[in-house]
Amino acid sequence: MHELKVTRLIAAPVERCWDVLANRQEEWWCPAPWRIEMIEQDRRPGGRSAMMMLGPDGEKMPQDGIFLAWDEGRRFVVTDAISLMGGDYEPADPFMIGTWEVVPEGDGTRYNASARHWTEEAMNNHAEMGFDDGWGAVADQFKAMCEG
């Protein structure tokens, strides 16, 4: 697999972490000062996952894809290889399969986020785009929300 990962141990119960993960994405999904505007979250395999990332200088980056899995209380998996724009499944230029999960660990919760890519080149491009810094900042924001 051509996978990039980030993980954090969070001093909070898994139920609290899941609530933040699933229901408060607008607050942690991208590194501040970027933010997202939620368009649609049809939380089921095959359902649409769509949002707009908004930058501090007016930048707009659409993110449209579908859920491959929604395991309530534990994880969700999304790919951008398929779009549901216009109400029908359309092939899209695939970039990754993203997985976000929370699992009990000791007295807290382990947060895991990963991006799996079709090719090593795509993975390396994502790394060069700043995966570690960006997804790391997001993981830190998420952790602070869960522990706060």
N, C-alpha and C. Protein backbone atom coordinates (compact mmCIF):
# COMPACT_ATOMS: atom_id res chain seq x y z
N MET A 1 0.84 -1.19 0.00
CA MET A 1 0.00 0.00 0.00
C MET A 1 0.87 1.24 0.00
N HIS A 2 0.38 2.25 -0.63
CA HIS A 2 1.05 3.55 -0.68
C HIS A 2 0.31 4.45 0.30
N GLU A 3 0.69 4.34 1.57
CA GLU A 3 -0.11 4.95 2.64
C GLU A 3 0.71 5.94 3.45
N LEU A 4 0.07 7.06 3.76
CA LEU A 4 0.59 8.05 4.70
C LEU A 4 -0.34 8.03 5.91
N LYS A 5 0.22 8.15 7.12
CA LYS A 5 -0.60 8.03 8.32
C LYS A 5 -0.22 9.08 9.35
N VAL A 6 -1.18 9.38 10.20
CA VAL A 6 -0.96 10.20 11.38
C VAL A 6 -1.78 9.56 12.51
N THR A 7 -1.24 9.62 13.72
CA THR A 7 -1.93 9.04 14.86
C THR A 7 -1.68 9.89 16.10
N ARG A 8 -2.62 9.87 17.01
CA ARG A 8 -2.48 10.58 18.28
C ARG A 8 -3.17 9.74 19.37
N LEU A 9 -2.59 9.75 20.57
CA LEU A 9 -3.24 9.18 21.73
C LEU A 9 -3.94 10.33 22.44
N ILE A 10 -5.22 10.17 22.66
CA ILE A 10 -6.06 11.24 23.20
C ILE A 10 -6.56 10.85 24.58
N ALA A 11 -6.45 11.77 25.52
CA ALA A 11 -6.90 11.53 26.89
C ALA A 11 -8.38 11.89 27.00
N ALA A 12 -9.20 11.09 26.34
CA ALA A 12 -10.66 11.28 26.36
C ALA A 12 -11.30 9.96 25.95
N PRO A 13 -12.53 9.71 26.40
CA PRO A 13 -13.20 8.46 26.03
C PRO A 13 -13.54 8.41 24.54
N VAL A 14 -13.59 7.21 24.02
CA VAL A 14 -13.84 7.02 22.59
C VAL A 14 -15.17 7.62 22.16
N GLU A 15 -16.17 7.60 23.03
CA GLU A 15 -17.49 8.16 22.66
C GLU A 15 -17.38 9.67 22.40
N ARG A 16 -16.62 10.37 23.23
CA ARG A 16 -16.43 11.81 23.03
C ARG A 16 -15.66 12.06 21.74
N CYS A 17 -14.61 11.27 21.52
CA CYS A 17 -13.81 11.44 20.31
C CYS A 17 -14.63 11.17 19.06
N TRP A 18 -15.47 10.14 19.09
CA TRP A 18 -16.33 9.86 17.94
C TRP A 18 -17.28 11.01 17.67
N ASP A 19 -17.86 11.57 18.72
CA ASP A 19 -18.78 12.68 18.54
C ASP A 19 -18.08 13.84 17.83
N VAL A 20 -16.86 14.17 18.25
CA VAL A 20 -16.10 15.24 17.61
C VAL A 20 -15.76 14.85 16.17
N LEU A 21 -15.31 13.61 15.98
CA LEU A 21 -14.93 13.13 14.65
C LEU A 21 -16.09 13.21 13.67
N ALA A 22 -17.24 12.74 14.09
CA ALA A 22 -18.39 12.63 13.19
C ALA A 22 -19.24 13.89 13.08
N ASN A 23 -19.33 14.65 14.16
CA ASN A 23 -20.32 15.72 14.19
C ASN A 23 -19.77 17.13 14.24
N ARG A 24 -18.45 17.26 14.33
CA ARG A 24 -17.88 18.61 14.45
C ARG A 24 -16.73 18.81 13.45
N GLN A 25 -16.87 18.23 12.27
CA GLN A 25 -15.81 18.30 11.26
C GLN A 25 -15.45 19.73 10.89
N GLU A 26 -16.43 20.62 10.88
CA GLU A 26 -16.16 22.00 10.50
C GLU A 26 -15.10 22.64 11.40
N GLU A 27 -14.94 22.11 12.62
CA GLU A 27 -14.05 22.71 13.60
C GLU A 27 -12.63 22.14 13.56
N TRP A 28 -12.41 20.99 12.92
CA TRP A 28 -11.07 20.39 12.96
C TRP A 28 -10.56 19.88 11.62
N TRP A 29 -11.36 19.83 10.60
CA TRP A 29 -11.04 19.11 9.36
C TRP A 29 -9.80 19.61 8.63
N CYS A 30 -9.55 20.91 8.63
CA CYS A 30 -8.36 21.41 7.95
C CYS A 30 -7.60 22.37 8.87
N PRO A 31 -6.30 22.52 8.60
CA PRO A 31 -5.48 23.37 9.49
C PRO A 31 -5.97 24.82 9.48
N ALA A 32 -6.16 25.37 10.68
CA ALA A 32 -6.52 26.78 10.79
C ALA A 32 -5.39 27.60 10.16
N PRO A 33 -5.72 28.66 9.44
CA PRO A 33 -6.99 29.36 9.40
C PRO A 33 -7.94 28.88 8.31
N TRP A 34 -7.60 27.78 7.62
CA TRP A 34 -8.52 27.21 6.66
C TRP A 34 -9.74 26.68 7.41
N ARG A 35 -10.84 26.55 6.70
CA ARG A 35 -12.06 25.98 7.28
C ARG A 35 -12.83 25.26 6.19
N ILE A 36 -13.86 24.55 6.58
CA ILE A 36 -14.70 23.89 5.57
C ILE A 36 -16.13 24.36 5.68
N GLU A 37 -16.80 24.26 4.55
CA GLU A 37 -18.24 24.44 4.48
C GLU A 37 -18.80 23.09 4.06
N MET A 38 -19.62 22.50 4.90
CA MET A 38 -20.18 21.19 4.63
C MET A 38 -21.29 21.33 3.59
N ILE A 39 -21.22 20.51 2.56
CA ILE A 39 -22.24 20.52 1.51
C ILE A 39 -23.20 19.36 1.72
N GLU A 40 -22.64 18.15 1.87
CA GLU A 40 -23.49 16.97 2.10
C GLU A 40 -22.66 15.87 2.74
N GLN A 41 -23.25 15.19 3.69
CA GLN A 41 -22.64 14.02 4.33
C GLN A 41 -23.73 12.95 4.44
N ASP A 42 -23.83 12.09 3.46
CA ASP A 42 -24.78 10.98 3.45
C ASP A 42 -24.06 9.77 4.05
N ARG A 43 -24.14 9.63 5.35
CA ARG A 43 -23.30 8.73 6.13
C ARG A 43 -23.68 7.26 5.99
N ARG A 44 -23.30 6.72 4.84
CA ARG A 44 -23.53 5.30 4.55
C ARG A 44 -22.63 4.92 3.39
N PRO A 45 -22.27 3.64 3.27
CA PRO A 45 -21.48 3.23 2.10
C PRO A 45 -22.21 3.62 0.81
N GLY A 46 -21.51 4.30 -0.07
CA GLY A 46 -22.09 4.77 -1.32
C GLY A 46 -22.69 6.15 -1.23
N GLY A 47 -22.78 6.72 -0.02
CA GLY A 47 -23.35 8.05 0.16
C GLY A 47 -22.32 9.14 -0.15
N ARG A 48 -22.83 10.28 -0.52
CA ARG A 48 -21.97 11.40 -0.91
C ARG A 48 -21.30 12.06 0.29
N SER A 49 -20.04 12.40 0.11
CA SER A 49 -19.27 13.20 1.07
C SER A 49 -18.77 14.41 0.30
N ALA A 50 -19.32 15.58 0.60
CA ALA A 50 -18.95 16.78 -0.16
C ALA A 50 -18.79 17.96 0.78
N MET A 51 -17.69 18.68 0.57
CA MET A 51 -17.43 19.89 1.33
C MET A 51 -16.56 20.82 0.50
N MET A 52 -16.49 22.06 0.93
CA MET A 52 -15.64 23.04 0.28
C MET A 52 -14.63 23.52 1.31
N MET A 53 -13.34 23.37 1.00
CA MET A 53 -12.29 23.92 1.85
C MET A 53 -12.11 25.39 1.46
N LEU A 54 -12.11 26.26 2.47
CA LEU A 54 -12.04 27.69 2.24
C LEU A 54 -10.79 28.26 2.91
N GLY A 55 -9.95 28.92 2.13
CA GLY A 55 -8.71 29.48 2.63
C GLY A 55 -8.88 30.91 3.12
N PRO A 56 -7.91 31.39 3.88
CA PRO A 56 -8.00 32.74 4.46
C PRO A 56 -7.93 33.86 3.43
N ASP A 57 -7.45 33.55 2.23
CA ASP A 57 -7.35 34.56 1.17
C ASP A 57 -8.36 34.33 0.06
N GLY A 58 -9.46 33.64 0.39
CA GLY A 58 -10.52 33.39 -0.58
C GLY A 58 -10.34 32.14 -1.42
N GLU A 59 -9.31 31.34 -1.11
CA GLU A 59 -9.09 30.10 -1.86
C GLU A 59 -10.28 29.16 -1.64
N LYS A 60 -10.59 28.39 -2.69
CA LYS A 60 -11.66 27.39 -2.60
C LYS A 60 -11.16 26.08 -3.19
N MET A 61 -11.28 25.01 -2.41
CA MET A 61 -10.87 23.68 -2.87
C MET A 61 -12.02 22.71 -2.62
N PRO A 62 -12.78 22.35 -3.66
CA PRO A 62 -13.87 21.40 -3.46
C PRO A 62 -13.35 20.01 -3.14
N GLN A 63 -14.05 19.31 -2.28
CA GLN A 63 -13.76 17.91 -1.98
C GLN A 63 -15.07 17.15 -2.14
N ASP A 64 -15.11 16.31 -3.16
CA ASP A 64 -16.32 15.55 -3.45
C ASP A 64 -15.94 14.09 -3.62
N GLY A 65 -16.69 13.22 -2.98
CA GLY A 65 -16.43 11.79 -3.09
C GLY A 65 -17.57 11.01 -2.49
N ILE A 66 -17.28 9.75 -2.19
CA ILE A 66 -18.31 8.90 -1.58
C ILE A 66 -17.72 8.17 -0.37
N PHE A 67 -18.62 7.82 0.54
CA PHE A 67 -18.24 6.99 1.66
C PHE A 67 -18.13 5.54 1.19
N LEU A 68 -17.05 4.91 1.56
CA LEU A 68 -16.90 3.47 1.34
C LEU A 68 -17.36 2.70 2.56
N ALA A 69 -17.23 3.33 3.73
CA ALA A 69 -17.66 2.70 4.99
C ALA A 69 -18.07 3.79 5.97
N TRP A 70 -19.05 3.51 6.76
CA TRP A 70 -19.44 4.33 7.90
C TRP A 70 -19.74 3.35 9.03
N ASP A 71 -18.77 3.17 9.90
CA ASP A 71 -18.90 2.24 11.02
C ASP A 71 -19.13 3.09 12.26
N GLU A 72 -20.40 3.29 12.58
CA GLU A 72 -20.81 4.19 13.66
C GLU A 72 -20.02 3.93 14.94
N GLY A 73 -19.49 4.99 15.49
CA GLY A 73 -18.75 4.91 16.73
C GLY A 73 -17.29 4.54 16.59
N ARG A 74 -16.85 4.23 15.33
CA ARG A 74 -15.47 3.76 15.17
C ARG A 74 -14.71 4.42 14.03
N ARG A 75 -15.27 4.40 12.79
CA ARG A 75 -14.50 4.94 11.67
C ARG A 75 -15.39 5.27 10.49
N PHE A 76 -14.83 6.11 9.61
CA PHE A 76 -15.42 6.29 8.29
C PHE A 76 -14.31 6.32 7.26
N VAL A 77 -14.67 5.87 6.04
CA VAL A 77 -13.72 5.76 4.93
C VAL A 77 -14.35 6.45 3.73
N VAL A 78 -13.55 7.31 3.06
CA VAL A 78 -14.03 8.10 1.93
C VAL A 78 -13.04 7.97 0.78
N THR A 79 -13.54 7.97 -0.43
CA THR A 79 -12.66 8.07 -1.61
C THR A 79 -13.13 9.19 -2.51
N ASP A 80 -12.18 9.79 -3.20
CA ASP A 80 -12.50 10.81 -4.19
C ASP A 80 -12.42 10.25 -5.61
N ALA A 81 -12.33 8.93 -5.73
CA ALA A 81 -12.27 8.28 -7.05
C ALA A 81 -13.63 8.25 -7.72
N ILE A 82 -14.67 8.52 -6.95
CA ILE A 82 -16.03 8.54 -7.47
C ILE A 82 -16.71 9.79 -6.94
N SER A 83 -17.41 10.47 -7.81
CA SER A 83 -18.15 11.67 -7.44
C SER A 83 -19.63 11.41 -7.61
N LEU A 84 -20.44 12.08 -6.81
CA LEU A 84 -21.89 11.98 -6.95
C LEU A 84 -22.49 13.30 -7.41
N MET A 85 -21.71 14.15 -8.02
CA MET A 85 -22.26 15.40 -8.53
C MET A 85 -23.31 15.09 -9.58
N GLY A 86 -24.41 15.76 -9.48
CA GLY A 86 -25.49 15.51 -10.43
C GLY A 86 -26.34 14.32 -10.05
N GLY A 87 -26.09 13.71 -8.89
CA GLY A 87 -26.94 12.64 -8.40
C GLY A 87 -26.62 11.25 -8.91
N ASP A 88 -25.59 11.08 -9.75
CA ASP A 88 -25.24 9.76 -10.24
C ASP A 88 -23.76 9.54 -10.03
N TYR A 89 -23.36 8.30 -9.90
CA TYR A 89 -21.96 7.97 -9.68
C TYR A 89 -21.15 8.27 -10.94
N GLU A 90 -20.12 9.11 -10.77
CA GLU A 90 -19.28 9.50 -11.89
C GLU A 90 -17.82 9.20 -11.54
N PRO A 91 -17.04 8.66 -12.48
CA PRO A 91 -15.61 8.49 -12.20
C PRO A 91 -14.95 9.86 -12.03
N ALA A 92 -13.98 9.90 -11.15
CA ALA A 92 -13.23 11.14 -10.91
C ALA A 92 -11.75 10.79 -10.91
N ASP A 93 -10.93 11.81 -11.04
CA ASP A 93 -9.49 11.57 -10.95
C ASP A 93 -9.18 11.15 -9.52
N PRO A 94 -8.81 9.90 -9.31
CA PRO A 94 -8.61 9.43 -7.94
C PRO A 94 -7.32 9.99 -7.34
N PHE A 95 -7.41 10.39 -6.09
CA PHE A 95 -6.24 10.85 -5.37
C PHE A 95 -5.95 9.91 -4.20
N MET A 96 -7.02 9.55 -3.45
CA MET A 96 -6.76 8.72 -2.28
C MET A 96 -8.03 8.07 -1.76
N ILE A 97 -7.81 7.15 -0.83
CA ILE A 97 -8.84 6.62 0.05
C ILE A 97 -8.44 7.10 1.44
N GLY A 98 -9.30 7.86 2.08
CA GLY A 98 -9.01 8.39 3.41
C GLY A 98 -9.79 7.63 4.46
N THR A 99 -9.11 7.31 5.56
CA THR A 99 -9.73 6.62 6.68
C THR A 99 -9.47 7.42 7.95
N TRP A 100 -10.53 7.63 8.73
CA TRP A 100 -10.43 8.30 10.02
C TRP A 100 -11.09 7.39 11.03
N GLU A 101 -10.36 7.07 12.12
CA GLU A 101 -10.93 6.16 13.11
C GLU A 101 -10.50 6.54 14.51
N VAL A 102 -11.33 6.11 15.46
CA VAL A 102 -11.03 6.24 16.88
C VAL A 102 -11.25 4.88 17.52
N VAL A 103 -10.27 4.44 18.31
CA VAL A 103 -10.37 3.13 18.96
C VAL A 103 -9.90 3.27 20.41
N PRO A 104 -10.54 2.54 21.32
CA PRO A 104 -10.11 2.61 22.72
C PRO A 104 -8.67 2.14 22.87
N GLU A 105 -7.92 2.85 23.72
CA GLU A 105 -6.57 2.43 24.05
C GLU A 105 -6.28 2.87 25.49
N GLY A 106 -6.08 1.91 26.37
CA GLY A 106 -5.84 2.22 27.77
C GLY A 106 -7.01 3.01 28.33
N ASP A 107 -6.70 4.14 28.97
CA ASP A 107 -7.75 5.00 29.53
C ASP A 107 -8.21 6.06 28.53
N GLY A 108 -7.72 6.00 27.31
CA GLY A 108 -8.05 7.03 26.32
C GLY A 108 -8.47 6.44 25.00
N THR A 109 -8.14 7.16 23.95
CA THR A 109 -8.56 6.82 22.59
C THR A 109 -7.39 7.02 21.64
N ARG A 110 -7.22 6.10 20.72
CA ARG A 110 -6.23 6.24 19.65
C ARG A 110 -6.95 6.78 18.42
N TYR A 111 -6.48 7.93 17.94
CA TYR A 111 -6.97 8.52 16.69
C TYR A 111 -6.00 8.12 15.59
N ASN A 112 -6.53 7.55 14.52
CA ASN A 112 -5.74 7.18 13.35
C ASN A 112 -6.38 7.80 12.11
N ALA A 113 -5.55 8.41 11.29
CA ALA A 113 -6.02 8.92 10.00
C ALA A 113 -5.00 8.50 8.96
N SER A 114 -5.49 8.01 7.83
CA SER A 114 -4.57 7.56 6.78
C SER A 114 -5.09 7.94 5.41
N ALA A 115 -4.13 8.08 4.51
CA ALA A 115 -4.43 8.36 3.11
C ALA A 115 -3.73 7.29 2.29
N ARG A 116 -4.51 6.46 1.61
CA ARG A 116 -3.96 5.42 0.73
C ARG A 116 -4.09 5.89 -0.71
N HIS A 117 -3.00 5.71 -1.45
CA HIS A 117 -2.91 6.23 -2.81
C HIS A 117 -2.77 5.09 -3.81
N TRP A 118 -3.17 5.35 -5.04
CA TRP A 118 -3.10 4.33 -6.08
C TRP A 118 -1.66 4.04 -6.50
N THR A 119 -0.81 5.05 -6.41
CA THR A 119 0.57 4.87 -6.87
C THR A 119 1.54 5.47 -5.86
N GLU A 120 2.78 5.03 -5.93
CA GLU A 120 3.82 5.60 -5.08
C GLU A 120 4.03 7.08 -5.42
N GLU A 121 3.94 7.39 -6.71
CA GLU A 121 4.09 8.78 -7.14
C GLU A 121 3.04 9.69 -6.51
N ALA A 122 1.78 9.24 -6.49
CA ALA A 122 0.71 10.03 -5.87
C ALA A 122 0.97 10.19 -4.38
N MET A 123 1.42 9.13 -3.72
CA MET A 123 1.74 9.21 -2.29
C MET A 123 2.86 10.21 -2.06
N ASN A 124 3.91 10.13 -2.86
CA ASN A 124 5.03 11.06 -2.71
C ASN A 124 4.61 12.50 -2.97
N ASN A 125 3.73 12.70 -3.95
CA ASN A 125 3.20 14.04 -4.22
C ASN A 125 2.44 14.58 -3.01
N HIS A 126 1.62 13.71 -2.40
CA HIS A 126 0.85 14.12 -1.22
C HIS A 126 1.80 14.47 -0.07
N ALA A 127 2.84 13.68 0.10
CA ALA A 127 3.84 13.96 1.13
C ALA A 127 4.50 15.31 0.87
N GLU A 128 4.87 15.57 -0.39
CA GLU A 128 5.52 16.84 -0.75
C GLU A 128 4.59 18.03 -0.63
N MET A 129 3.27 17.79 -0.75
CA MET A 129 2.29 18.85 -0.56
C MET A 129 2.19 19.27 0.91
N GLY A 130 2.78 18.48 1.79
CA GLY A 130 2.75 18.84 3.21
C GLY A 130 1.87 17.95 4.06
N PHE A 131 1.74 16.68 3.69
CA PHE A 131 0.89 15.77 4.44
C PHE A 131 1.20 15.81 5.93
N ASP A 132 2.47 15.61 6.30
CA ASP A 132 2.82 15.53 7.72
C ASP A 132 2.43 16.78 8.48
N ASP A 133 2.77 17.94 7.93
CA ASP A 133 2.42 19.20 8.61
C ASP A 133 0.91 19.42 8.65
N GLY A 134 0.24 19.24 7.51
CA GLY A 134 -1.20 19.50 7.42
C GLY A 134 -2.04 18.54 8.23
N TRP A 135 -1.85 17.25 7.97
CA TRP A 135 -2.65 16.26 8.70
C TRP A 135 -2.22 16.21 10.17
N GLY A 136 -0.95 16.54 10.45
CA GLY A 136 -0.50 16.62 11.83
C GLY A 136 -1.18 17.75 12.58
N ALA A 137 -1.30 18.92 11.93
CA ALA A 137 -1.99 20.06 12.54
C ALA A 137 -3.45 19.72 12.80
N VAL A 138 -4.07 19.04 11.84
CA VAL A 138 -5.47 18.63 12.00
C VAL A 138 -5.60 17.66 13.19
N ALA A 139 -4.68 16.71 13.28
CA ALA A 139 -4.72 15.75 14.39
C ALA A 139 -4.56 16.47 15.73
N ASP A 140 -3.70 17.48 15.77
CA ASP A 140 -3.52 18.24 17.01
C ASP A 140 -4.77 19.04 17.36
N GLN A 141 -5.41 19.64 16.34
CA GLN A 141 -6.67 20.36 16.58
C GLN A 141 -7.73 19.42 17.09
N PHE A 142 -7.84 18.25 16.46
CA PHE A 142 -8.82 17.24 16.87
C PHE A 142 -8.57 16.81 18.31
N LYS A 143 -7.33 16.51 18.64
CA LYS A 143 -6.97 16.09 19.99
C LYS A 143 -7.34 17.15 21.02
N ALA A 144 -7.02 18.41 20.73
CA ALA A 144 -7.33 19.50 21.66
C ALA A 144 -8.84 19.62 21.88
N MET A 145 -9.62 19.45 20.83
CA MET A 145 -11.08 19.51 20.98
C MET A 145 -11.59 18.37 21.85
N CYS A 146 -11.08 17.19 21.63
CA CYS A 146 -11.54 16.02 22.39
C CYS A 146 -11.15 16.12 23.87
N GLU A 147 -9.99 16.67 24.12
CA GLU A 147 -9.50 16.76 25.50
C GLU A 147 -10.00 18.01 26.23
N GLY A 148 -10.54 18.98 25.47
CA GLY A 148 -10.96 20.25 26.06
C GLY A 148 -12.28 20.19 26.76
